[in-house]
Protein backbone atom coordinates (compact mmCIF):
# COMPACT_ATOMS: atom_id res chain seq x y z
CA UNK A 1 122.25 138.78 103.62
CA UNK A 2 122.40 136.99 106.98
CA UNK A 3 122.62 139.31 109.98
CA UNK A 4 124.37 137.78 112.98
CA UNK A 5 125.34 139.52 116.21
CA UNK A 6 124.41 142.85 114.67
CA UNK A 7 126.88 142.42 111.81
CA UNK A 8 126.32 141.56 108.18
CA UNK A 9 127.27 138.02 107.31
CA UNK A 10 127.60 136.11 104.08
CA UNK A 11 124.95 135.71 101.44
CA UNK A 12 122.78 132.60 101.81
CA UNK A 13 121.79 130.97 98.55
CA UNK A 14 118.57 128.97 98.49
CA UNK A 15 116.97 126.83 95.80
CA UNK A 16 113.46 127.82 96.89
CA UNK A 17 111.25 128.79 93.95
CA UNK A 18 109.54 131.99 95.08
CA UNK A 19 106.34 131.56 93.05
CA UNK A 20 105.91 127.89 94.00
CA UNK A 21 106.61 128.69 97.65
CA UNK A 22 103.80 131.24 97.62
CA UNK A 23 101.42 128.77 95.95
CA UNK A 24 102.21 126.01 98.44
CA UNK A 25 101.68 128.44 101.30
CA UNK A 26 98.26 129.35 99.90
CA UNK A 27 97.32 125.69 99.41
CA UNK A 28 98.28 124.81 102.99
CA UNK A 29 96.42 127.81 104.39
CA UNK A 30 93.32 126.91 102.35
CA UNK A 31 93.27 123.36 103.70
CA UNK A 32 94.23 124.41 107.21
CA UNK A 33 91.10 126.56 107.43
CA UNK A 34 89.09 123.40 106.79
CA UNK A 35 91.15 121.32 109.20
CA UNK A 36 90.67 123.81 112.03
CA UNK A 37 86.98 122.91 112.02
CA UNK A 38 88.18 119.58 113.46
CA UNK A 39 90.67 121.36 115.76
CA UNK A 40 93.61 120.40 113.56
CA UNK A 41 95.92 123.41 113.30
CA UNK A 42 99.20 122.37 111.69
CA UNK A 43 100.40 121.21 108.30
CA UNK A 44 103.73 121.04 106.48
CA UNK A 45 104.91 120.41 102.94
CA UNK A 46 108.20 120.03 101.07
CA UNK A 47 108.66 119.88 97.29
CA UNK A 48 111.88 118.55 95.74
CA UNK A 49 113.09 118.54 92.15
CA UNK A 50 114.43 114.99 91.66
CA UNK A 51 116.95 115.61 88.82
CA UNK A 52 118.82 118.31 90.73
CA UNK A 53 117.91 117.55 94.32
CA UNK A 54 116.79 121.13 94.77
CA UNK A 55 114.24 121.97 97.45
CA UNK A 56 111.73 124.10 95.55
CA UNK A 57 109.23 124.72 98.35
CA UNK A 58 109.59 124.35 102.09
CA UNK A 59 106.72 125.11 104.45
CA UNK A 60 107.64 123.86 107.90
CA UNK A 61 104.25 124.86 109.27
CA UNK A 62 101.21 126.84 108.25
CA UNK A 63 99.99 129.92 110.06
CA UNK A 64 96.63 131.57 109.64
CA UNK A 65 97.14 135.37 109.94
CA UNK A 66 93.71 135.58 111.54
CA UNK A 67 94.57 133.02 114.23
CA UNK A 68 95.21 135.06 117.38
CA UNK A 69 96.19 131.90 119.26
CA UNK A 70 98.80 130.72 116.74
CA UNK A 71 101.52 130.42 119.41
CA UNK A 72 99.26 128.20 121.48
CA UNK A 73 98.67 126.02 118.40
CA UNK A 74 102.39 125.41 117.82
CA UNK A 75 102.65 127.10 114.45
CA UNK A 76 106.30 128.02 115.15
CA UNK A 77 107.32 124.35 115.16
CA UNK A 78 109.15 123.23 112.01
CA UNK A 79 107.31 119.94 111.53
CA UNK A 80 109.39 118.92 108.49
CA UNK A 81 112.36 118.02 110.70
CA UNK A 82 110.31 116.76 113.67
CA UNK A 83 110.11 112.98 114.27
CA UNK A 84 106.48 111.86 114.05
CA UNK A 85 104.75 108.47 114.22
CA UNK A 86 104.87 106.92 110.76
CA UNK A 87 101.56 105.09 110.51
CA UNK A 88 101.56 103.14 107.23
CA UNK A 89 104.07 105.34 105.43
CA UNK A 90 106.90 102.76 105.73
CA UNK A 91 104.98 99.90 104.09
CA UNK A 92 106.37 100.52 100.58
CA UNK A 93 109.92 100.04 101.84
CA UNK A 94 109.10 96.59 103.21
CA UNK A 95 107.49 95.59 99.92
CA UNK A 96 110.51 96.83 97.96
CA UNK A 97 112.89 95.09 100.36
CA UNK A 98 111.16 91.73 99.92
CA UNK A 99 111.17 92.13 96.13
CA UNK A 100 114.82 93.12 96.26
CA UNK A 101 115.75 90.03 98.28
CA UNK A 102 113.75 87.63 96.13
CA UNK A 103 111.23 86.69 98.82
CA UNK A 104 108.08 87.53 96.87
CA UNK A 105 106.81 88.22 93.39
CA UNK A 106 104.61 91.32 92.96
CA UNK A 107 101.42 89.24 92.69
CA UNK A 108 102.23 86.57 95.30
CA UNK A 109 99.27 86.09 97.62
CA UNK A 110 99.71 86.79 101.33
CA UNK A 111 97.33 85.65 104.13
CA UNK A 112 94.79 88.23 105.27
CA UNK A 113 93.03 86.54 108.19
CA UNK A 114 92.60 87.23 111.93
CA UNK A 115 96.17 87.14 113.22
CA UNK A 116 97.70 86.80 116.68
CA UNK A 117 101.49 86.77 117.02
CA UNK A 118 102.90 86.58 120.56
CA UNK A 119 100.08 88.71 121.93
CA UNK A 120 100.15 91.18 119.03
CA UNK A 121 96.90 91.35 117.03
CA UNK A 122 97.05 93.76 114.08
CA UNK A 123 93.80 94.86 112.46
CA UNK A 124 93.02 96.17 108.99
CA UNK A 125 91.68 99.70 108.75
CA UNK A 126 88.45 98.31 107.30
CA UNK A 127 88.14 95.62 110.02
CA UNK A 128 87.58 93.09 107.21
CA UNK A 129 89.55 90.14 105.82
CA UNK A 130 90.20 88.90 102.30
CA UNK A 131 91.64 85.50 103.19
CA UNK A 132 94.44 85.98 100.66
CA UNK A 133 95.52 89.12 98.82
CA UNK A 134 98.31 89.77 96.26
CA UNK A 135 101.32 91.55 97.77
CA UNK A 136 101.03 94.55 95.46
CA UNK A 137 97.35 94.96 96.36
CA UNK A 138 98.19 94.65 100.05
CA UNK A 139 100.43 97.69 99.53
CA UNK A 140 98.07 99.72 97.35
CA UNK A 141 95.17 99.06 99.75
CA UNK A 142 97.42 99.55 102.80
CA UNK A 143 96.27 96.33 104.48
CA UNK A 144 97.85 95.87 107.89
CA UNK A 145 97.58 92.13 108.44
CA UNK A 146 99.31 91.01 105.21
CA UNK A 147 102.00 93.63 105.84
CA UNK A 148 102.70 92.36 109.36
CA UNK A 149 102.88 88.78 108.06
CA UNK A 150 105.33 89.92 105.39
CA UNK A 151 107.44 91.66 108.04
CA UNK A 152 107.44 88.49 110.13
CA UNK A 153 108.83 86.64 107.11
CA UNK A 154 111.35 89.38 106.26
CA UNK A 155 112.53 89.94 109.83
CA UNK A 156 112.20 93.04 112.03
CA UNK A 157 115.96 93.44 112.52
CA UNK A 158 116.56 93.19 108.79
CA UNK A 159 113.84 95.74 108.03
CA UNK A 160 115.21 98.15 110.63
CA UNK A 161 118.64 97.84 109.02
CA UNK A 162 117.11 98.53 105.60
CA UNK A 163 115.33 101.66 106.84
CA UNK A 164 118.55 103.04 108.29
CA UNK A 165 120.44 102.32 105.07
CA UNK A 166 117.73 104.11 103.11
CA UNK A 167 118.34 107.21 105.21
CA UNK A 168 115.90 107.31 108.16
CA UNK A 169 117.86 108.93 110.97
CA UNK A 170 115.29 108.82 113.79
CA UNK A 171 115.31 105.06 114.49
CA UNK A 172 117.27 104.79 117.75
CA UNK A 173 115.66 101.79 119.45
CA UNK A 174 116.37 98.08 119.00
CA UNK A 175 114.45 95.79 116.69
CA UNK A 176 113.14 93.89 119.74
CA UNK A 177 111.76 97.14 121.12
CA UNK A 178 110.03 98.06 117.88
CA UNK A 179 108.71 94.59 117.14
CA UNK A 180 106.23 93.96 114.35
CA UNK A 181 104.58 97.34 114.96
CA UNK A 182 107.62 98.92 113.29
CA UNK A 183 105.81 98.88 109.94
CA UNK A 184 102.48 100.11 111.31
CA UNK A 185 103.53 103.27 113.12
CA UNK A 186 105.61 101.93 115.99
CA UNK A 187 108.53 104.11 114.88
CA UNK A 188 109.09 107.80 114.18
CA UNK A 189 110.33 109.48 111.02
CA UNK A 190 110.60 113.04 109.76
CA UNK A 191 109.11 114.45 106.60
CA UNK A 192 112.65 115.54 105.69
CA UNK A 193 114.05 111.99 105.82
CA UNK A 194 111.11 110.48 103.96
CA UNK A 195 111.40 113.06 101.20
CA UNK A 196 115.11 112.24 101.08
CA UNK A 197 114.42 108.51 100.59
CA UNK A 198 111.99 109.05 97.74
CA UNK A 199 114.29 111.58 96.09
CA UNK A 200 117.10 109.02 96.09
CA UNK A 201 114.78 106.39 94.65
CA UNK A 202 113.55 108.75 91.97
CA UNK A 203 117.15 109.67 91.15
CA UNK A 204 118.05 105.97 90.90
CA UNK A 205 115.23 105.36 88.43
CA UNK A 206 116.18 108.39 86.35
CA UNK A 207 119.82 107.33 86.20
CA UNK A 208 119.12 103.74 85.26
CA UNK A 209 118.88 104.13 81.45
CA UNK A 210 122.12 106.17 81.32
CA UNK A 211 124.25 104.28 83.82
CA UNK A 212 123.29 100.72 82.85
CA UNK A 213 122.93 99.72 86.46
CA UNK A 214 126.03 101.62 87.73
CA UNK A 215 124.13 104.04 89.93
CA UNK A 216 125.42 106.80 92.14
CA UNK A 217 125.08 106.07 95.81
CA UNK A 218 126.34 109.60 96.53
CA UNK A 219 122.78 110.80 95.89
CA UNK A 220 122.46 110.55 99.67
CA UNK A 221 124.39 113.78 100.07
CA UNK A 222 121.48 115.73 98.61
CA UNK A 223 120.21 115.97 102.16
CA UNK A 224 122.96 114.72 104.42
CA UNK A 225 124.37 117.36 106.77
CA UNK A 226 122.89 120.22 104.79
CA UNK A 227 120.23 121.46 107.12
CA UNK A 228 120.42 123.16 110.50
CA UNK A 229 117.20 124.15 112.13
CA UNK A 230 118.20 127.57 113.41
CA UNK A 231 120.31 129.52 110.97
CA UNK A 232 120.27 127.79 107.60
CA UNK A 233 118.13 127.20 104.57
CA UNK A 234 117.85 123.92 102.63
CA UNK A 235 120.65 123.35 100.18
CA UNK A 236 120.67 121.54 96.86
CA UNK A 237 122.76 118.86 95.25
CA UNK A 238 124.98 121.46 93.60
CA UNK A 239 125.79 123.05 96.98
CA UNK A 240 127.52 119.94 98.30
CA UNK A 241 131.15 119.60 97.33
CA UNK A 242 133.86 116.97 97.94
CA UNK A 243 135.62 119.49 100.17
CA UNK A 244 132.79 118.97 102.65
CA UNK A 245 133.75 115.36 103.10
CA UNK A 246 131.37 113.79 100.59
CA UNK A 247 132.19 111.27 97.92
CA UNK A 248 131.07 111.04 94.31
CA UNK A 249 132.03 107.44 93.57
CA UNK A 250 129.50 105.26 91.76
CA UNK A 251 128.33 102.11 93.52
CA UNK A 252 125.15 100.08 93.64
CA UNK A 253 122.12 101.62 95.43
CA UNK A 254 120.46 100.14 98.52
CA UNK A 255 117.59 98.72 96.44
CA UNK A 256 117.75 97.44 92.88
CA UNK A 257 115.98 99.55 90.24
CA UNK A 258 113.54 96.68 89.55
CA UNK A 259 112.53 96.58 93.22
CA UNK A 260 112.03 100.35 93.30
CA UNK A 261 110.11 100.32 90.03
CA UNK A 262 107.82 97.50 91.22
CA UNK A 263 107.14 99.39 94.45
CA UNK A 264 106.37 102.64 92.61
CA UNK A 265 104.11 100.77 90.18
CA UNK A 266 102.05 99.37 93.07
CA UNK A 267 101.85 102.83 94.63
CA UNK A 268 100.19 104.29 91.53
CA UNK A 269 97.05 102.41 92.55
CA UNK A 270 97.09 103.37 96.22
CA UNK A 271 93.59 103.45 97.64
CA UNK A 272 91.63 102.12 100.59
CA UNK A 273 88.52 100.13 99.70
CA UNK A 274 86.36 101.95 102.25
CA UNK A 275 87.45 105.29 100.75
CA UNK A 276 86.72 104.55 97.09
CA UNK A 277 84.28 107.44 96.84
CA UNK A 278 87.15 109.87 97.46
CA UNK A 279 89.48 108.37 94.86
CA UNK A 280 87.95 110.30 91.95
CA UNK A 281 88.67 113.54 93.76
CA UNK A 282 92.38 112.84 93.63
CA UNK A 283 92.97 112.44 89.89
CA UNK A 284 96.01 114.38 88.72
CA UNK A 285 97.25 115.48 85.33
CA UNK A 286 100.30 113.21 85.58
CA UNK A 287 100.95 109.66 86.73
CA UNK A 288 101.91 109.70 90.41
CA UNK A 289 103.11 107.03 92.83
CA UNK A 290 101.83 107.94 96.27
CA UNK A 291 101.18 106.60 99.74
CA UNK A 292 99.25 107.81 102.74
CA UNK A 293 99.75 107.09 106.42
CA UNK A 294 97.75 107.59 109.61
CA UNK A 295 99.33 107.18 113.03
CA UNK A 296 97.68 105.48 115.99
CA UNK A 297 95.15 107.73 117.70
CA UNK A 298 94.74 109.87 114.56
CA UNK A 299 97.67 112.11 115.53
CA UNK A 300 99.57 112.25 112.23
CA UNK A 301 98.32 112.30 108.66
CA UNK A 302 100.90 111.65 105.92
CA UNK A 303 100.86 111.73 102.13
CA UNK A 304 103.97 111.38 99.97
CA UNK A 305 104.06 111.12 96.19
CA UNK A 306 106.44 111.35 93.26
CA UNK A 307 106.70 111.25 89.50
CA UNK A 308 109.87 111.38 87.41
CA UNK A 309 110.47 115.06 88.24
CA UNK A 310 109.13 115.90 91.68
CA UNK A 311 108.69 114.58 95.20
CA UNK A 312 105.92 116.13 97.28
CA UNK A 313 105.67 115.24 100.96
CA UNK A 314 102.85 116.43 103.24
CA UNK A 315 102.06 116.10 106.94
CA UNK A 316 98.97 117.33 108.77
CA UNK A 317 98.05 117.19 112.44
CA UNK A 318 98.70 119.03 115.68
CA UNK A 319 102.28 119.91 116.59
CA UNK A 320 101.61 119.04 120.23
CA UNK A 321 100.55 115.51 119.26
CA UNK A 322 96.86 115.82 120.05
CA UNK A 323 94.83 113.38 117.98
CA UNK A 324 91.54 114.19 116.35
CA UNK A 325 88.81 111.86 115.03
CA UNK A 326 88.96 111.54 111.26
CA UNK A 327 92.50 112.88 110.95
CA UNK A 328 93.70 110.43 108.29
CA UNK A 329 96.21 110.57 105.49
CA UNK A 330 93.55 110.09 102.83
CA UNK A 331 91.30 112.87 104.16
CA UNK A 332 93.72 115.43 105.59
CA UNK A 333 97.05 115.09 103.74
CA UNK A 334 96.19 113.61 100.31
CA UNK A 335 94.07 116.59 99.16
CA UNK A 336 97.03 118.88 99.90
CA UNK A 337 99.40 116.56 98.05
CA UNK A 338 97.38 116.55 94.85
CA UNK A 339 96.67 120.27 94.97
CA UNK A 340 100.43 120.84 95.06
CA UNK A 341 101.04 118.39 92.21
CA UNK A 342 98.43 120.21 90.15
CA UNK A 343 100.50 123.41 90.52
CA UNK A 344 103.67 121.72 89.25
CA UNK A 345 104.59 121.32 85.57
CA UNK A 346 103.41 118.10 83.96
CA UNK A 347 105.92 115.29 84.25
CA UNK A 348 106.24 111.74 82.99
CA UNK A 349 106.83 108.53 84.87
CA UNK A 350 109.79 106.21 85.16
CA UNK A 351 111.37 103.99 82.50
CA UNK A 352 110.88 100.26 83.09
CA UNK A 353 114.26 98.71 84.08
CA UNK A 354 113.96 95.80 81.65
CA UNK A 355 117.59 94.75 82.11
CA UNK A 356 116.83 93.94 85.75
CA UNK A 357 113.66 92.01 84.90
CA UNK A 358 112.93 88.63 83.32
CA UNK A 359 109.89 86.97 81.79
CA UNK A 360 108.39 84.29 84.00
CA UNK A 361 105.32 82.08 84.02
CA UNK A 362 103.21 83.21 87.00
CA UNK A 363 100.19 81.37 88.37
CA UNK A 364 97.24 83.73 87.99
CA UNK A 365 95.60 82.39 91.14
CA UNK A 366 98.53 82.43 93.58
CA UNK A 367 101.04 84.86 92.07
CA UNK A 368 103.79 82.26 92.60
CA UNK A 369 105.93 80.93 89.81
CA UNK A 370 103.71 78.51 87.93
CA UNK A 371 104.04 74.73 87.87
CA UNK A 372 102.54 72.26 85.40
CA UNK A 373 99.54 72.05 87.74
CA UNK A 374 98.61 75.72 87.35
CA UNK A 375 95.93 75.97 84.68
CA UNK A 376 95.76 79.77 84.39
CA UNK A 377 99.24 81.14 83.74
CA UNK A 378 100.42 84.64 82.83
CA UNK A 379 103.81 85.27 81.25
CA UNK A 380 104.96 88.56 82.70
CA UNK A 381 108.17 90.43 83.41
CA UNK A 382 109.14 90.30 87.08
CA UNK A 383 112.23 91.55 88.94
CA UNK A 384 115.19 89.25 88.39
CA UNK A 385 115.47 88.44 92.10
CA UNK A 386 111.85 87.27 92.18
CA UNK A 387 112.95 84.22 90.18
CA UNK A 388 114.33 82.92 93.48
CA UNK A 389 110.83 82.50 94.93
CA UNK A 390 109.23 79.08 95.29
CA UNK A 391 106.78 77.47 92.90
CA UNK A 392 103.03 77.56 93.47
CA UNK A 393 102.16 75.41 96.52
CA UNK A 394 98.39 75.71 96.20
CA UNK A 395 97.60 73.67 93.07
CA UNK A 396 97.25 69.94 93.63
CA UNK A 397 96.14 66.82 91.76
CA UNK A 398 92.83 65.58 93.18
CA UNK A 399 91.46 62.08 92.45
CA UNK A 400 87.71 61.98 91.73
CA UNK A 401 85.21 59.36 90.64
CA UNK A 402 83.79 59.37 87.12
CA UNK A 403 80.99 61.74 88.12
CA UNK A 404 83.55 64.18 89.52
CA UNK A 405 81.40 64.58 92.62
CA UNK A 406 83.47 62.61 95.13
CA UNK A 407 87.11 62.30 96.08
CA UNK A 408 88.34 58.72 95.98
CA UNK A 409 91.46 56.63 96.45
CA UNK A 410 92.51 53.07 95.54
CA UNK A 411 90.62 51.61 98.50
CA UNK A 412 87.27 52.52 96.94
CA UNK A 413 87.97 53.03 93.26
CA UNK A 414 89.97 51.21 90.62
CA UNK A 415 92.95 53.12 89.29
CA UNK A 416 91.59 53.20 85.74
CA UNK A 417 88.28 54.64 86.89
CA UNK A 418 89.77 57.63 88.71
CA UNK A 419 89.68 61.10 87.19
CA UNK A 420 92.66 63.30 87.98
CA UNK A 421 91.75 66.98 88.33
CA UNK A 422 93.95 70.04 89.02
CA UNK A 423 92.56 71.95 92.00
CA UNK A 424 93.40 75.25 93.72
CA UNK A 425 93.37 74.44 97.44
CA UNK A 426 93.70 76.95 100.27
CA UNK A 427 94.02 76.14 104.00
CA UNK A 428 90.59 76.00 105.70
CA UNK A 429 90.85 79.25 107.71
CA UNK A 430 92.08 81.21 104.70
CA UNK A 431 89.43 79.63 102.49
CA UNK A 432 86.66 80.71 104.88
CA UNK A 433 87.41 84.39 104.20
CA UNK A 434 88.73 84.04 100.65
CA UNK A 435 85.59 82.50 99.14
CA UNK A 436 83.39 85.34 100.44
CA UNK A 437 85.44 87.74 98.25
CA UNK A 438 86.06 85.31 95.39
CA UNK A 439 82.80 83.61 94.31
CA UNK A 440 84.60 81.59 91.62
CA UNK A 441 86.59 79.72 94.25
CA UNK A 442 85.51 76.06 94.52
CA UNK A 443 85.94 74.44 97.91
CA UNK A 444 87.49 71.01 97.86
């Protein structure tokens, strides 16, 4: 019973699961003891049950009972509702947005080369380049340069609008102010909002088989206006009623189910190539879509994951914003994420939204829709909107002599003596990096 001004108030009902809350507290404390060796003192975690929208565990910060300086370390700060630099945690939303708007196919290759755009020079975490990389691999490997090039194509203003529609409430600056760094940590988000977004997406995917595409946009009220920092506890979907000004009408969601599904599918394989040795440590008993993020200066470490039943969102760092070397999402937040998932009941994954997908012939080399010039073609199901993408621009007809050693034209070879060959041709700068990673590539 809430006590206010010395008088008994009303009962406060919470959806917190007592046993899970205790387990999450123990997990955070266990990892925080390790993090303090690197002078990292804070961590937070929220667990949400997707079908009901209930918040099952809520740890706004971790406190070591043996830490006599806990006040100095900011352990009283509720980090879950605090805006923090996003690092790479927004990349999946850009990928889903481009799929949703028919700008890419999942396997479409994107340039990964040294890039300079109006004085802005993004770098990959590994400081290496692939030349070209499929869009889904750019997401799963969290490559910065392909992501920035995709954002340039999509548009910063459009992406900012998408993020706000998805439910991020901490984006108060203009698109010109954010610029292309918006997708690499140039903005702030809260763990609360991010958990909200993934809960809505998970709810959309769960509803799809039953609603035949007529999905409930009112899922947004799971979190909207139901949390006050000082005197309240998190509420659940069942606590929100129409009398509180919410609606329950069914309309289309912000992103199509096929776009969400394609994004989640790419996130199952999330990994950084320079961290492959750690990947085996993070195997879970159930299939999980997850993403990490690390803010500039190693100030914020993020890890967010979901399956068909649960969303788990984790942040680690220092509440005062002090960065520490090695404070990354993969090292600091991901171990917490998977420890929490291992305490949850086993859950399945999402049903493929076949009604929103179509079979298409895709060039195996470029990931574009195949033409008659593409020799290696895969027939796969892609989101319906991806059918709007252009055909493969990289396969050409090349004229060779009979020995197939030299390119020729009519000025040096008779028409009947030419040999026409289909060839996969990349621009020179891209080719320079691409062929070092792809030994089967034949330069023209």
